[in-house]
Amino acid sequence: MLAQRTARLRPFLAMLEPEERRQLERLLGRLTATLAVDRPGALVTCRLCDRSACQDGARRCPLNHTVPSG
């Protein structure tokens, strides 16, 4: 499912300049962060998320509730 989603989005994102893509990513991250106020809500929101993209070390999931505290 993630591969299909990526394939459909790629042509739309290709028209953006690199800085525009970075801006879009930041804005979408801010919007996404407001989708859930607790861990159960975040997990529902993230059910189609590419977790490897959020947890690659350089990035953090905007829904911090998905990351177990420890």
Protein backbone atom coordinates (compact mmCIF):
# COMPACT_ATOMS: atom_id res chain seq x y z
CA MET A 1 0.00 0.00 0.00
CA LEU A 2 2.84 2.40 0.82
CA ALA A 3 4.47 1.72 -2.54
CA GLN A 4 1.21 2.49 -4.37
CA ARG A 5 0.74 5.70 -2.41
CA THR A 6 4.32 6.75 -3.17
CA ALA A 7 3.90 5.99 -6.88
CA ARG A 8 0.77 8.16 -7.07
CA LEU A 9 2.31 11.07 -5.17
CA ARG A 10 5.67 11.09 -6.96
CA PRO A 11 4.47 12.93 -10.12
CA PHE A 12 2.88 15.71 -8.03
CA LEU A 13 5.93 16.15 -5.84
CA ALA A 14 8.30 16.08 -8.82
CA MET A 15 6.99 19.46 -9.97
CA LEU A 16 8.25 21.10 -6.77
CA GLU A 17 11.71 22.54 -6.30
CA PRO A 18 13.74 21.00 -3.45
CA GLU A 19 13.10 23.98 -1.15
CA GLU A 20 9.37 23.81 -1.91
CA ARG A 21 9.36 20.13 -0.98
CA ARG A 22 11.11 20.93 2.31
CA GLN A 23 8.55 23.65 3.02
CA LEU A 24 5.69 21.29 2.21
CA GLU A 25 7.16 18.62 4.47
CA ARG A 26 7.45 21.09 7.36
CA LEU A 27 3.88 22.32 6.89
CA LEU A 28 2.46 18.82 6.61
CA GLY A 29 4.36 17.85 9.75
CA ARG A 30 2.78 20.73 11.64
CA LEU A 31 -0.68 19.81 10.39
CA THR A 32 -0.18 16.14 11.16
CA ALA A 33 0.92 16.95 14.70
CA THR A 34 -2.58 18.29 15.43
CA LEU A 35 -4.38 15.13 14.33
CA ALA A 36 -4.08 13.26 17.60
CA VAL A 37 -3.89 14.33 21.21
CA ASP A 38 -3.06 10.93 22.72
CA ARG A 39 -1.30 7.69 21.82
CA PRO A 40 -4.44 5.74 20.75
CA GLY A 41 -5.49 8.58 18.46
CA ALA A 42 -1.99 8.85 17.04
CA LEU A 43 -1.83 5.14 16.29
CA VAL A 44 -5.12 5.36 14.37
CA THR A 45 -3.79 8.34 12.42
CA CYS A 46 -0.52 6.56 11.69
CA ARG A 47 -1.95 3.23 10.58
CA LEU A 48 -0.85 3.96 7.00
CA CYS A 49 2.34 5.74 7.97
CA ASP A 50 5.75 4.74 6.70
CA ARG A 51 7.26 4.36 10.18
CA SER A 52 10.76 3.92 8.81
CA ALA A 53 10.56 7.48 7.43
CA CYS A 54 9.58 8.88 10.83
CA GLN A 55 12.08 6.88 12.82
CA ASP A 56 15.19 7.07 10.65
CA GLY A 57 17.19 8.87 13.32
CA ALA A 58 17.27 12.20 11.50
CA ARG A 59 13.52 12.78 11.75
CA ARG A 60 11.01 12.47 14.52
CA CYS A 61 7.42 11.50 14.17
CA PRO A 62 5.25 14.64 14.49
CA LEU A 63 2.88 12.53 16.60
CA ASN A 64 5.21 11.95 19.53
CA HIS A 65 2.57 9.74 21.11
CA THR A 66 3.58 6.90 18.78
CA VAL A 67 7.09 6.74 20.21
CA PRO A 68 7.14 4.84 23.50
CA SER A 69 8.69 6.89 26.26
CA GLY A 70 11.44 5.22 28.09
